[in-house]
Amino acid sequence: MIDSDRSDAERFILHGSFTSSSTYKPMLFLALSGLPFSFRTVNLKKGVQKEAPHLALSRYGQVPVLQHRGLTLVMSNVILDYLARTTGRFEGSTEQERINAREWLSWENDAITNVARVRHFARFRPDVEPPIVNFFRPQAEAALDLIDRWLDGRQWLVGEHCTIADVGCWGRMVFMAEGGMSLDRRPNARAWRDRLMALPGFALPYDLIPQKDAEFSGQ
């Protein structure tokens, strides 16, 4: 007989939004890993993230939230760290690589976040877009340039295979076109993106993240 309580505890439950790059990062990890999980949608447009039930999960009133084994985790890069450590997937092969992968996640949160800021104000706040976008765009473009330079002669950001560094950085960059940015003049980053897109289970956000609750059976 299957212990349903234990089975439920082992299942990953991800709360998020289909418009959120922060949601996309852990969801892409789960999809690439072929792991079964449940998705619970949080309607950001309606402000559900600021309502009491969600605030009980995330003190910051943000997405994503991951529930697993009785734990509740918030912040996308913390979730990526947990997923890599718990599943052993998309982890560095050595301690140095594991450290480096998390350094990239920390840098992403500081630098590539500017790509998300440009996209956010360009798409969702056109009333205030020009001055704010003009402030963040140079920093966003500089982050994309650094990614491109680092990938010169490399297949992946860390080591010889895809890690949470790649998932995290790409996951934040993915909506760049909505902010008027691209990899057209960044050949190393473009080739890296193509390698990511060729991985089994890969999907872009609007294809991967549903607009309502869903169950993913995995592979």
N, C-alpha and C. Protein backbone atom coordinates (compact mmCIF):
# COMPACT_ATOMS: atom_id res chain seq x y z
N MET A 1 0.85 -1.20 0.00
CA MET A 1 0.00 0.00 0.00
C MET A 1 0.88 1.24 0.00
N ILE A 2 0.50 2.24 -0.80
CA ILE A 2 1.26 3.48 -0.87
C ILE A 2 0.85 4.40 0.27
N ASP A 3 1.81 4.91 1.00
CA ASP A 3 1.56 5.88 2.06
C ASP A 3 1.31 7.23 1.42
N SER A 4 0.05 7.65 1.38
CA SER A 4 -0.30 8.88 0.66
C SER A 4 0.32 10.11 1.31
N ASP A 5 0.42 10.11 2.65
CA ASP A 5 1.03 11.26 3.33
C ASP A 5 2.49 11.41 2.93
N ARG A 6 3.20 10.29 2.87
CA ARG A 6 4.61 10.34 2.48
C ARG A 6 4.73 10.75 1.01
N SER A 7 3.85 10.20 0.16
CA SER A 7 3.88 10.54 -1.25
C SER A 7 3.63 12.03 -1.47
N ASP A 8 2.67 12.59 -0.73
CA ASP A 8 2.38 14.01 -0.85
C ASP A 8 3.56 14.85 -0.39
N ALA A 9 4.24 14.42 0.67
CA ALA A 9 5.38 15.17 1.20
C ALA A 9 6.54 15.18 0.21
N GLU A 10 6.68 14.07 -0.56
CA GLU A 10 7.79 13.97 -1.50
C GLU A 10 7.53 14.76 -2.79
N ARG A 11 6.28 15.11 -3.05
CA ARG A 11 5.95 15.81 -4.28
C ARG A 11 6.31 17.29 -4.15
N PHE A 12 6.95 17.82 -5.16
CA PHE A 12 7.24 19.25 -5.20
C PHE A 12 5.97 20.00 -5.56
N ILE A 13 5.69 21.06 -4.81
CA ILE A 13 4.56 21.93 -5.12
C ILE A 13 5.10 23.34 -5.32
N LEU A 14 4.94 23.85 -6.52
CA LEU A 14 5.47 25.16 -6.88
C LEU A 14 4.33 26.14 -7.08
N HIS A 15 4.37 27.25 -6.36
CA HIS A 15 3.39 28.32 -6.50
C HIS A 15 4.03 29.45 -7.31
N GLY A 16 3.34 29.91 -8.34
CA GLY A 16 3.94 30.97 -9.14
C GLY A 16 3.00 31.53 -10.18
N SER A 17 3.58 32.33 -11.08
CA SER A 17 2.80 33.01 -12.11
C SER A 17 3.46 32.83 -13.47
N PHE A 18 2.65 32.71 -14.52
CA PHE A 18 3.18 32.47 -15.86
C PHE A 18 3.89 33.69 -16.43
N THR A 19 3.74 34.85 -15.84
CA THR A 19 4.44 36.05 -16.33
C THR A 19 5.75 36.30 -15.57
N SER A 20 6.09 35.44 -14.65
CA SER A 20 7.20 35.69 -13.74
C SER A 20 8.45 34.90 -14.11
N SER A 21 9.55 35.63 -14.36
CA SER A 21 10.82 34.95 -14.62
C SER A 21 11.31 34.23 -13.36
N SER A 22 10.97 34.76 -12.20
CA SER A 22 11.35 34.09 -10.95
C SER A 22 10.68 32.74 -10.83
N THR A 23 9.44 32.64 -11.29
CA THR A 23 8.74 31.36 -11.31
C THR A 23 9.34 30.43 -12.34
N TYR A 24 9.70 30.98 -13.48
CA TYR A 24 10.22 30.16 -14.58
C TYR A 24 11.48 29.41 -14.20
N LYS A 25 12.34 30.03 -13.42
CA LYS A 25 13.62 29.40 -13.08
C LYS A 25 13.46 28.03 -12.41
N PRO A 26 12.76 27.94 -11.27
CA PRO A 26 12.60 26.60 -10.68
C PRO A 26 11.71 25.69 -11.51
N MET A 27 10.75 26.26 -12.22
CA MET A 27 9.89 25.42 -13.04
C MET A 27 10.68 24.81 -14.19
N LEU A 28 11.60 25.58 -14.76
CA LEU A 28 12.45 25.04 -15.82
C LEU A 28 13.34 23.93 -15.26
N PHE A 29 13.88 24.12 -14.07
CA PHE A 29 14.68 23.07 -13.43
C PHE A 29 13.87 21.78 -13.33
N LEU A 30 12.64 21.88 -12.83
CA LEU A 30 11.81 20.69 -12.65
C LEU A 30 11.48 20.04 -13.99
N ALA A 31 11.21 20.86 -15.01
CA ALA A 31 10.89 20.32 -16.34
C ALA A 31 12.10 19.62 -16.95
N LEU A 32 13.27 20.25 -16.86
CA LEU A 32 14.48 19.64 -17.41
C LEU A 32 14.85 18.36 -16.66
N SER A 33 14.51 18.32 -15.38
CA SER A 33 14.83 17.14 -14.57
C SER A 33 13.85 16.01 -14.80
N GLY A 34 12.71 16.30 -15.43
CA GLY A 34 11.70 15.28 -15.65
C GLY A 34 11.02 14.81 -14.37
N LEU A 35 10.99 15.69 -13.37
CA LEU A 35 10.42 15.32 -12.08
C LEU A 35 8.92 15.65 -12.02
N PRO A 36 8.14 14.81 -11.37
CA PRO A 36 6.72 15.14 -11.19
C PRO A 36 6.58 16.27 -10.18
N PHE A 37 5.64 17.16 -10.42
CA PHE A 37 5.39 18.25 -9.48
C PHE A 37 4.01 18.83 -9.72
N SER A 38 3.56 19.60 -8.76
CA SER A 38 2.28 20.28 -8.86
C SER A 38 2.53 21.78 -8.99
N PHE A 39 1.71 22.43 -9.80
CA PHE A 39 1.82 23.88 -9.95
C PHE A 39 0.55 24.54 -9.44
N ARG A 40 0.73 25.56 -8.62
CA ARG A 40 -0.38 26.32 -8.09
C ARG A 40 -0.23 27.77 -8.53
N THR A 41 -1.17 28.23 -9.34
CA THR A 41 -1.03 29.56 -9.92
C THR A 41 -1.36 30.66 -8.91
N VAL A 42 -0.61 31.73 -8.99
CA VAL A 42 -0.82 32.91 -8.16
C VAL A 42 -1.04 34.08 -9.12
N ASN A 43 -2.24 34.62 -9.14
CA ASN A 43 -2.59 35.68 -10.09
C ASN A 43 -2.03 37.01 -9.60
N LEU A 44 -0.90 37.42 -10.15
CA LEU A 44 -0.26 38.65 -9.72
C LEU A 44 -1.08 39.88 -10.11
N LYS A 45 -1.75 39.80 -11.25
CA LYS A 45 -2.55 40.94 -11.71
C LYS A 45 -3.68 41.26 -10.75
N LYS A 46 -4.23 40.22 -10.14
CA LYS A 46 -5.32 40.42 -9.17
C LYS A 46 -4.80 40.64 -7.75
N GLY A 47 -3.48 40.61 -7.58
CA GLY A 47 -2.90 40.86 -6.26
C GLY A 47 -3.01 39.72 -5.28
N VAL A 48 -3.19 38.51 -5.80
CA VAL A 48 -3.33 37.34 -4.91
C VAL A 48 -2.09 37.16 -4.04
N GLN A 49 -0.93 37.59 -4.54
CA GLN A 49 0.32 37.43 -3.78
C GLN A 49 0.34 38.24 -2.49
N LYS A 50 -0.54 39.22 -2.38
CA LYS A 50 -0.59 40.07 -1.18
C LYS A 50 -1.73 39.67 -0.25
N GLU A 51 -2.46 38.63 -0.59
CA GLU A 51 -3.55 38.18 0.25
C GLU A 51 -3.05 37.23 1.33
N ALA A 52 -3.84 37.11 2.40
CA ALA A 52 -3.40 36.36 3.58
C ALA A 52 -2.95 34.93 3.30
N PRO A 53 -3.68 34.14 2.49
CA PRO A 53 -3.23 32.76 2.26
C PRO A 53 -1.83 32.68 1.67
N HIS A 54 -1.53 33.58 0.72
CA HIS A 54 -0.19 33.53 0.13
C HIS A 54 0.85 34.11 1.07
N LEU A 55 0.48 35.16 1.80
CA LEU A 55 1.43 35.74 2.76
C LEU A 55 1.80 34.74 3.86
N ALA A 56 0.91 33.78 4.10
CA ALA A 56 1.24 32.73 5.06
C ALA A 56 2.35 31.83 4.55
N LEU A 57 2.53 31.80 3.23
CA LEU A 57 3.60 31.02 2.61
C LEU A 57 4.84 31.87 2.37
N SER A 58 4.64 33.09 1.91
CA SER A 58 5.75 33.98 1.57
C SER A 58 5.59 35.30 2.29
N ARG A 59 6.43 35.54 3.26
CA ARG A 59 6.35 36.77 4.04
C ARG A 59 6.54 38.01 3.17
N TYR A 60 7.17 37.84 1.99
CA TYR A 60 7.46 38.98 1.13
C TYR A 60 6.33 39.28 0.15
N GLY A 61 5.34 38.37 0.09
CA GLY A 61 4.24 38.58 -0.85
C GLY A 61 4.70 38.48 -2.29
N GLN A 62 5.57 37.50 -2.56
CA GLN A 62 6.13 37.33 -3.90
C GLN A 62 6.00 35.87 -4.34
N VAL A 63 6.32 35.64 -5.60
CA VAL A 63 6.46 34.29 -6.13
C VAL A 63 7.89 34.15 -6.63
N PRO A 64 8.39 32.89 -6.66
CA PRO A 64 7.73 31.61 -6.39
C PRO A 64 7.81 31.20 -4.93
N VAL A 65 7.05 30.15 -4.64
CA VAL A 65 7.14 29.43 -3.36
C VAL A 65 7.23 27.95 -3.70
N LEU A 66 8.12 27.24 -3.04
CA LEU A 66 8.22 25.79 -3.20
C LEU A 66 7.92 25.12 -1.88
N GLN A 67 7.04 24.11 -1.92
CA GLN A 67 6.78 23.28 -0.75
C GLN A 67 7.25 21.86 -1.04
N HIS A 68 7.98 21.30 -0.06
CA HIS A 68 8.52 19.95 -0.25
C HIS A 68 8.97 19.40 1.10
N ARG A 69 8.56 18.17 1.38
CA ARG A 69 8.97 17.48 2.60
C ARG A 69 8.71 18.32 3.86
N GLY A 70 7.59 19.01 3.88
CA GLY A 70 7.23 19.81 5.05
C GLY A 70 7.92 21.16 5.12
N LEU A 71 8.77 21.45 4.14
CA LEU A 71 9.48 22.73 4.10
C LEU A 71 8.76 23.69 3.16
N THR A 72 8.92 24.98 3.44
CA THR A 72 8.44 26.03 2.55
C THR A 72 9.61 26.94 2.23
N LEU A 73 9.90 27.09 0.93
CA LEU A 73 11.02 27.90 0.50
C LEU A 73 10.54 29.02 -0.41
N VAL A 74 11.14 30.20 -0.25
CA VAL A 74 10.86 31.32 -1.13
C VAL A 74 12.19 31.82 -1.71
N MET A 75 12.09 32.67 -2.70
CA MET A 75 13.20 33.24 -3.45
C MET A 75 13.74 32.20 -4.44
N SER A 76 13.70 32.56 -5.72
CA SER A 76 13.97 31.59 -6.78
C SER A 76 15.34 30.95 -6.69
N ASN A 77 16.36 31.71 -6.34
CA ASN A 77 17.70 31.13 -6.32
C ASN A 77 17.93 30.25 -5.09
N VAL A 78 17.26 30.56 -4.00
CA VAL A 78 17.28 29.66 -2.85
C VAL A 78 16.62 28.34 -3.23
N ILE A 79 15.53 28.43 -3.97
CA ILE A 79 14.83 27.23 -4.42
C ILE A 79 15.70 26.41 -5.37
N LEU A 80 16.41 27.08 -6.29
CA LEU A 80 17.31 26.36 -7.19
C LEU A 80 18.40 25.64 -6.41
N ASP A 81 18.96 26.31 -5.42
CA ASP A 81 19.98 25.68 -4.58
C ASP A 81 19.42 24.44 -3.91
N TYR A 82 18.23 24.55 -3.36
CA TYR A 82 17.60 23.41 -2.68
C TYR A 82 17.33 22.27 -3.66
N LEU A 83 16.79 22.60 -4.82
CA LEU A 83 16.48 21.56 -5.80
C LEU A 83 17.74 20.82 -6.24
N ALA A 84 18.82 21.56 -6.47
CA ALA A 84 20.06 20.91 -6.89
C ALA A 84 20.61 20.01 -5.78
N ARG A 85 20.60 20.52 -4.55
CA ARG A 85 21.14 19.71 -3.43
C ARG A 85 20.26 18.50 -3.15
N THR A 86 18.94 18.67 -3.28
CA THR A 86 18.01 17.59 -2.93
C THR A 86 17.97 16.49 -3.99
N THR A 87 18.01 16.92 -5.26
CA THR A 87 17.87 15.94 -6.35
C THR A 87 19.19 15.50 -6.94
N GLY A 88 20.25 16.28 -6.73
CA GLY A 88 21.54 15.98 -7.34
C GLY A 88 21.62 16.36 -8.81
N ARG A 89 20.60 16.99 -9.33
CA ARG A 89 20.56 17.34 -10.75
C ARG A 89 21.00 18.80 -10.95
N PHE A 90 21.65 19.02 -12.09
CA PHE A 90 22.13 20.34 -12.45
C PHE A 90 22.99 20.95 -11.35
N GLU A 91 23.77 20.08 -10.74
CA GLU A 91 24.69 20.45 -9.68
C GLU A 91 26.10 20.42 -10.23
N GLY A 92 27.00 21.17 -9.62
CA GLY A 92 28.40 21.14 -10.01
C GLY A 92 29.02 19.78 -9.70
N SER A 93 30.05 19.42 -10.47
CA SER A 93 30.69 18.11 -10.30
C SER A 93 31.69 18.09 -9.15
N THR A 94 32.18 19.25 -8.76
CA THR A 94 33.15 19.37 -7.67
C THR A 94 32.66 20.44 -6.70
N GLU A 95 33.27 20.49 -5.52
CA GLU A 95 32.90 21.52 -4.56
C GLU A 95 33.15 22.92 -5.13
N GLN A 96 34.25 23.09 -5.85
CA GLN A 96 34.52 24.39 -6.46
C GLN A 96 33.43 24.77 -7.47
N GLU A 97 32.99 23.81 -8.27
CA GLU A 97 31.93 24.09 -9.23
C GLU A 97 30.61 24.39 -8.53
N ARG A 98 30.34 23.71 -7.43
CA ARG A 98 29.11 24.00 -6.69
C ARG A 98 29.14 25.41 -6.12
N ILE A 99 30.30 25.81 -5.64
CA ILE A 99 30.46 27.18 -5.14
C ILE A 99 30.29 28.17 -6.29
N ASN A 100 30.95 27.91 -7.41
CA ASN A 100 30.88 28.81 -8.55
C ASN A 100 29.46 28.97 -9.07
N ALA A 101 28.72 27.87 -9.10
CA ALA A 101 27.33 27.94 -9.58
C ALA A 101 26.52 28.89 -8.71
N ARG A 102 26.74 28.84 -7.41
CA ARG A 102 25.98 29.71 -6.51
C ARG A 102 26.48 31.14 -6.56
N GLU A 103 27.75 31.33 -6.90
CA GLU A 103 28.24 32.68 -7.15
C GLU A 103 27.51 33.31 -8.33
N TRP A 104 27.31 32.52 -9.39
CA TRP A 104 26.57 33.02 -10.55
C TRP A 104 25.14 33.39 -10.16
N LEU A 105 24.52 32.59 -9.32
CA LEU A 105 23.16 32.91 -8.89
C LEU A 105 23.13 34.21 -8.10
N SER A 106 24.12 34.42 -7.26
CA SER A 106 24.20 35.66 -6.49
C SER A 106 24.41 36.86 -7.43
N TRP A 107 25.30 36.69 -8.40
CA TRP A 107 25.54 37.76 -9.38
C TRP A 107 24.29 38.01 -10.21
N GLU A 108 23.61 36.95 -10.61
CA GLU A 108 22.37 37.10 -11.38
C GLU A 108 21.37 37.97 -10.64
N ASN A 109 21.24 37.74 -9.34
CA ASN A 109 20.28 38.49 -8.54
C ASN A 109 20.64 39.96 -8.46
N ASP A 110 21.90 40.28 -8.66
CA ASP A 110 22.36 41.67 -8.63
C ASP A 110 22.39 42.30 -10.01
N ALA A 111 22.81 41.53 -11.02
CA ALA A 111 23.08 42.12 -12.34
C ALA A 111 22.02 41.79 -13.39
N ILE A 112 21.72 40.52 -13.60
CA ILE A 112 20.75 40.17 -14.64
C ILE A 112 19.34 40.59 -14.24
N THR A 113 19.13 40.80 -12.95
CA THR A 113 17.85 41.32 -12.51
C THR A 113 17.49 42.61 -13.23
N ASN A 114 18.50 43.35 -13.67
CA ASN A 114 18.23 44.58 -14.42
C ASN A 114 17.53 44.29 -15.75
N VAL A 115 17.77 43.12 -16.34
CA VAL A 115 17.04 42.73 -17.54
C VAL A 115 15.57 42.60 -17.22
N ALA A 116 15.27 41.97 -16.08
CA ALA A 116 13.87 41.82 -15.66
C ALA A 116 13.24 43.16 -15.35
N ARG A 117 14.02 44.08 -14.78
CA ARG A 117 13.48 45.41 -14.47
C ARG A 117 13.11 46.16 -15.73
N VAL A 118 13.99 46.12 -16.73
CA VAL A 118 13.69 46.77 -18.01
C VAL A 118 12.42 46.19 -18.60
N ARG A 119 12.34 44.88 -18.63
CA ARG A 119 11.16 44.21 -19.18
C ARG A 119 9.90 44.59 -18.40
N HIS A 120 9.99 44.61 -17.08
CA HIS A 120 8.82 44.90 -16.25
C HIS A 120 8.25 46.28 -16.56
N PHE A 121 9.12 47.28 -16.55
CA PHE A 121 8.62 48.64 -16.76
C PHE A 121 8.21 48.89 -18.20
N ALA A 122 8.90 48.24 -19.14
CA ALA A 122 8.53 48.41 -20.55
C ALA A 122 7.19 47.77 -20.85
N ARG A 123 6.92 46.63 -20.23
CA ARG A 123 5.67 45.92 -20.54
C ARG A 123 4.52 46.30 -19.63
N PHE A 124 4.79 46.40 -18.32
CA PHE A 124 3.70 46.54 -17.37
C PHE A 124 3.49 47.96 -16.84
N ARG A 125 4.49 48.82 -17.02
CA ARG A 125 4.35 50.19 -16.52
C ARG A 125 4.73 51.21 -17.60
N PRO A 126 4.05 51.19 -18.73
CA PRO A 126 4.39 52.14 -19.81
C PRO A 126 4.20 53.59 -19.41
N ASP A 127 3.42 53.85 -18.35
CA ASP A 127 3.20 55.21 -17.89
C ASP A 127 4.47 55.84 -17.34
N VAL A 128 5.37 55.02 -16.79
CA VAL A 128 6.62 55.55 -16.22
C VAL A 128 7.84 54.99 -16.94
N GLU A 129 7.62 54.33 -18.06
CA GLU A 129 8.67 53.52 -18.70
C GLU A 129 9.93 54.28 -19.13
N PRO A 130 9.87 55.37 -19.89
CA PRO A 130 11.12 55.90 -20.47
C PRO A 130 12.23 56.21 -19.47
N PRO A 131 12.01 57.04 -18.44
CA PRO A 131 13.15 57.36 -17.57
C PRO A 131 13.66 56.17 -16.77
N ILE A 132 12.76 55.31 -16.32
CA ILE A 132 13.20 54.16 -15.51
C ILE A 132 13.93 53.14 -16.37
N VAL A 133 13.39 52.86 -17.55
CA VAL A 133 14.05 51.92 -18.46
C VAL A 133 15.41 52.45 -18.88
N ASN A 134 15.50 53.74 -19.14
CA ASN A 134 16.79 54.34 -19.54
C ASN A 134 17.82 54.22 -18.42
N PHE A 135 17.35 54.19 -17.17
CA PHE A 135 18.28 54.04 -16.05
C PHE A 135 18.80 52.61 -15.96
N PHE A 136 17.91 51.63 -16.10
CA PHE A 136 18.29 50.23 -15.91
C PHE A 136 18.89 49.58 -17.15
N ARG A 137 18.58 50.09 -18.34
CA ARG A 137 19.02 49.41 -19.56
C ARG A 137 20.54 49.26 -19.67
N PRO A 138 21.35 50.30 -19.41
CA PRO A 138 22.80 50.10 -19.53
C PRO A 138 23.33 48.99 -18.63
N GLN A 139 22.77 48.87 -17.42
CA GLN A 139 23.20 47.82 -16.51
C GLN A 139 22.76 46.44 -17.01
N ALA A 140 21.58 46.41 -17.61
CA ALA A 140 21.09 45.15 -18.17
C ALA A 140 21.94 44.70 -19.35
N GLU A 141 22.24 45.63 -20.24
CA GLU A 141 23.06 45.31 -21.41
C GLU A 141 24.46 44.88 -20.97
N ALA A 142 25.00 45.51 -19.94
CA ALA A 142 26.33 45.15 -19.44
C ALA A 142 26.33 43.72 -18.89
N ALA A 143 25.25 43.32 -18.23
CA ALA A 143 25.15 41.96 -17.71
C ALA A 143 25.13 40.94 -18.85
N LEU A 144 24.38 41.24 -19.90
CA LEU A 144 24.33 40.35 -21.06
C LEU A 144 25.70 40.27 -21.74
N ASP A 145 26.39 41.39 -21.80
CA ASP A 145 27.74 41.41 -22.39
C ASP A 145 28.69 40.53 -21.59
N LEU A 146 28.60 40.58 -20.26
CA LEU A 146 29.49 39.78 -19.43
C LEU A 146 29.24 38.29 -19.66
N ILE A 147 27.97 37.92 -19.73
CA ILE A 147 27.62 36.52 -20.03
C ILE A 147 28.27 36.09 -21.35
N ASP A 148 28.14 36.94 -22.35
CA ASP A 148 28.69 36.61 -23.67
C ASP A 148 30.21 36.45 -23.62
N ARG A 149 30.88 37.36 -22.94
CA ARG A 149 32.35 37.27 -22.84
C ARG A 149 32.78 36.01 -22.10
N TRP A 150 32.09 35.71 -21.00
CA TRP A 150 32.47 34.55 -20.19
C TRP A 150 32.32 33.25 -20.98
N LEU A 151 31.34 33.20 -21.84
CA LEU A 151 31.05 31.98 -22.59
C LEU A 151 31.94 31.79 -23.82
N ASP A 152 32.84 32.70 -24.05
CA ASP A 152 33.79 32.54 -25.15
C ASP A 152 34.67 31.32 -24.87
N GLY A 153 34.54 30.29 -25.67
CA GLY A 153 35.32 29.07 -25.47
C GLY A 153 34.74 28.12 -24.44
N ARG A 154 33.56 28.45 -23.91
CA ARG A 154 32.92 27.58 -22.92
C ARG A 154 31.55 27.15 -23.42
N GLN A 155 31.15 25.94 -23.02
CA GLN A 155 29.81 25.45 -23.34
C GLN A 155 28.79 25.92 -22.31
N TRP A 156 29.21 25.95 -21.05
CA TRP A 156 28.31 26.27 -19.94
C TRP A 156 28.98 27.25 -18.99
N LEU A 157 28.21 27.87 -18.14
CA LEU A 157 28.78 28.87 -17.23
C LEU A 157 29.74 28.27 -16.23
N VAL A 158 29.44 27.04 -15.80
CA VAL A 158 30.29 26.35 -14.82
C VAL A 158 30.52 24.92 -15.27
N GLY A 159 31.76 24.51 -15.34
CA GLY A 159 32.07 23.11 -15.63
C GLY A 159 31.69 22.67 -17.04
N GLU A 160 31.43 21.38 -17.16
CA GLU A 160 31.23 20.76 -18.47
C GLU A 160 29.79 20.39 -18.76
N HIS A 161 28.88 20.75 -17.87
CA HIS A 161 27.48 20.45 -18.14
C HIS A 161 26.59 21.55 -17.56
N CYS A 162 25.35 21.54 -17.94
CA CYS A 162 24.39 22.54 -17.47
C CYS A 162 24.21 22.42 -15.96
N THR A 163 24.24 23.55 -15.28
CA THR A 163 24.02 23.59 -13.83
C THR A 163 22.96 24.64 -13.51
N ILE A 164 22.69 24.78 -12.22
CA ILE A 164 21.74 25.80 -11.79
C ILE A 164 22.21 27.20 -12.14
N ALA A 165 23.51 27.37 -12.39
CA ALA A 165 23.99 28.68 -12.86
C ALA A 165 23.35 29.02 -14.20
N ASP A 166 23.34 28.07 -15.11
CA ASP A 166 22.74 28.29 -16.43
C ASP A 166 21.23 28.46 -16.33
N VAL A 167 20.59 27.60 -15.55
CA VAL A 167 19.14 27.67 -15.40
C VAL A 167 18.74 29.01 -14.79
N GLY A 168 19.46 29.44 -13.76
CA GLY A 168 19.13 30.69 -13.09
C GLY A 168 19.37 31.91 -13.94
N CYS A 169 20.50 31.97 -14.61
CA CYS A 169 20.81 33.14 -15.44
C CYS A 169 19.89 33.21 -16.66
N TRP A 170 19.73 32.08 -17.36
CA TRP A 170 18.83 32.08 -18.51
C TRP A 170 17.40 32.39 -18.08
N GLY A 171 16.98 31.81 -16.96
CA GLY A 171 15.62 32.01 -16.49
C GLY A 171 15.28 33.46 -16.24
N ARG A 172 16.26 34.26 -15.85
CA ARG A 172 16.03 35.68 -15.66
C ARG A 172 16.11 36.45 -16.98
N MET A 173 16.89 35.95 -17.91
CA MET A 173 17.08 36.64 -19.19
C MET A 173 15.94 36.38 -20.17
N VAL A 174 15.15 35.36 -19.92
CA VAL A 174 14.27 34.80 -20.94
C VAL A 174 13.29 35.81 -21.54
N PHE A 175 12.85 36.78 -20.76
CA PHE A 175 11.88 37.75 -21.25
C PHE A 175 12.55 38.99 -21.84
N MET A 176 13.84 38.92 -22.15
CA MET A 176 14.58 40.11 -22.56
C MET A 176 13.96 40.81 -23.77
N ALA A 177 13.39 40.05 -24.71
CA ALA A 177 12.82 40.67 -25.91
C ALA A 177 11.68 41.61 -25.56
N GLU A 178 10.96 41.34 -24.47
CA GLU A 178 9.87 42.21 -24.06
C GLU A 178 10.38 43.54 -23.53
N GLY A 179 11.67 43.62 -23.28
CA GLY A 179 12.30 44.87 -22.88
C GLY A 179 13.17 45.46 -23.97
N GLY A 180 13.07 44.90 -25.18
CA GLY A 180 13.82 45.43 -26.30
C GLY A 180 15.26 45.00 -26.36
N MET A 181 15.60 43.88 -25.72
CA MET A 181 16.97 43.38 -25.71
C MET A 181 17.04 42.03 -26.42
N SER A 182 18.24 41.67 -26.87
CA SER A 182 18.40 40.40 -27.57
C SER A 182 19.83 39.91 -27.47
N LEU A 183 20.05 38.70 -27.99
CA LEU A 183 21.40 38.12 -28.05
C LEU A 183 21.95 38.17 -29.47
N ASP A 184 21.32 38.93 -30.35
CA ASP A 184 21.71 38.95 -31.76
C ASP A 184 23.18 39.28 -31.96
N ARG A 185 23.72 40.18 -31.17
CA ARG A 185 25.13 40.57 -31.30
C ARG A 185 26.00 39.94 -30.23
N ARG A 186 25.51 38.88 -29.66
CA ARG A 186 26.24 38.18 -28.60
C ARG A 186 26.31 36.70 -28.98
N PRO A 187 27.21 36.32 -29.86
CA PRO A 187 27.20 34.97 -30.43
C PRO A 187 27.44 33.86 -29.41
N ASN A 188 28.29 34.12 -28.42
CA ASN A 188 28.56 33.07 -27.43
C ASN A 188 27.33 32.80 -26.57
N ALA A 189 26.66 33.87 -26.16
CA ALA A 189 25.45 33.71 -25.36
C ALA A 189 24.33 33.10 -26.20
N ARG A 190 24.29 33.43 -27.46
CA ARG A 190 23.26 32.87 -28.34
C ARG A 190 23.45 31.36 -28.51
N ALA A 191 24.69 30.93 -28.68
CA ALA A 191 24.97 29.50 -28.81
C ALA A 191 24.65 28.76 -27.51
N TRP A 192 24.95 29.40 -26.39
CA TRP A 192 24.62 28.84 -25.07
C TRP A 192 23.12 28.68 -24.91
N ARG A 193 22.37 29.71 -25.30
CA ARG A 193 20.91 29.62 -25.27
C ARG A 193 20.41 28.45 -26.11
N ASP A 194 20.99 28.28 -27.29
CA ASP A 194 20.57 27.19 -28.17
C ASP A 194 20.87 25.82 -27.56
N ARG A 195 21.98 25.71 -26.84
CA ARG A 195 22.28 24.45 -26.15
C ARG A 195 21.25 24.17 -25.07
N LEU A 196 20.88 25.20 -24.33
CA LEU A 196 19.84 25.04 -23.31
C LEU A 196 18.53 24.59 -23.93
N MET A 197 18.17 25.24 -25.04
CA MET A 197 16.88 24.94 -25.67
C MET A 197 16.85 23.53 -26.27
N ALA A 198 18.02 22.96 -26.50
CA ALA A 198 18.10 21.60 -27.05
C ALA A 198 17.99 20.51 -25.99
N LEU A 199 18.02 20.90 -24.71
CA LEU A 199 17.94 19.91 -23.64
C LEU A 199 16.54 19.31 -23.57
N PRO A 200 16.42 18.00 -23.34
CA PRO A 200 15.09 17.38 -23.21
C PRO A 200 14.30 18.03 -22.08
N GLY A 201 13.06 18.36 -22.36
CA GLY A 201 12.20 18.97 -21.36
C GLY A 201 12.18 20.48 -21.40
N PHE A 202 13.06 21.09 -22.20
CA PHE A 202 13.11 22.55 -22.24
C PHE A 202 11.83 23.11 -22.85
N ALA A 203 11.38 24.22 -22.31
CA ALA A 203 10.26 24.97 -22.89
C ALA A 203 10.38 26.42 -22.45
N LEU A 204 9.89 27.32 -23.27
CA LEU A 204 9.86 28.74 -22.93
C LEU A 204 8.70 28.99 -21.96
N PRO A 205 8.75 30.10 -21.23
CA PRO A 205 7.79 30.31 -20.14
C PRO A 205 6.33 30.19 -20.53
N TYR A 206 5.93 30.85 -21.61
CA TYR A 206 4.51 30.84 -21.95
C TYR A 206 4.04 29.47 -22.44
N ASP A 207 4.98 28.61 -22.81
CA ASP A 207 4.64 27.23 -23.17
C ASP A 207 4.68 26.30 -21.96
N LEU A 208 5.49 26.66 -20.99
CA LEU A 208 5.72 25.78 -19.84
C LEU A 208 4.79 26.08 -18.67
N ILE A 209 4.62 27.35 -18.35
CA ILE A 209 3.90 27.73 -17.13
C ILE A 209 2.41 27.91 -17.43
N PRO A 210 1.55 27.14 -16.82
CA PRO A 210 0.11 27.27 -17.08
C PRO A 210 -0.49 28.48 -16.37
N GLN A 211 -1.66 28.88 -16.81
CA GLN A 211 -2.35 29.99 -16.18
C GLN A 211 -3.35 29.52 -15.13
N LYS A 212 -3.36 28.22 -14.86
CA LYS A 212 -4.20 27.68 -13.81
C LYS A 212 -3.47 26.52 -13.16
N ASP A 213 -3.99 26.04 -12.04
CA ASP A 213 -3.37 24.93 -11.33
C ASP A 213 -3.21 23.73 -12.26
N ALA A 214 -2.09 23.02 -12.11
CA ALA A 214 -1.83 21.88 -13.00
C ALA A 214 -0.94 20.87 -12.30
N GLU A 215 -1.03 19.64 -12.78
CA GLU A 215 -0.20 18.56 -12.28
C GLU A 215 0.72 18.10 -13.41
N PHE A 216 2.00 17.94 -13.10
CA PHE A 216 2.98 17.50 -14.09
C PHE A 216 3.49 16.13 -13.66
N SER A 217 3.34 15.16 -14.54
CA SER A 217 3.66 13.78 -14.19
C SER A 217 5.14 13.46 -14.27
N GLY A 218 5.90 14.30 -14.97
CA GLY A 218 7.33 14.01 -15.12
C GLY A 218 7.59 12.95 -16.17
N GLN A 219 8.84 12.53 -16.25
CA GLN A 219 9.23 11.56 -17.28
C GLN A 219 9.80 10.31 -16.64
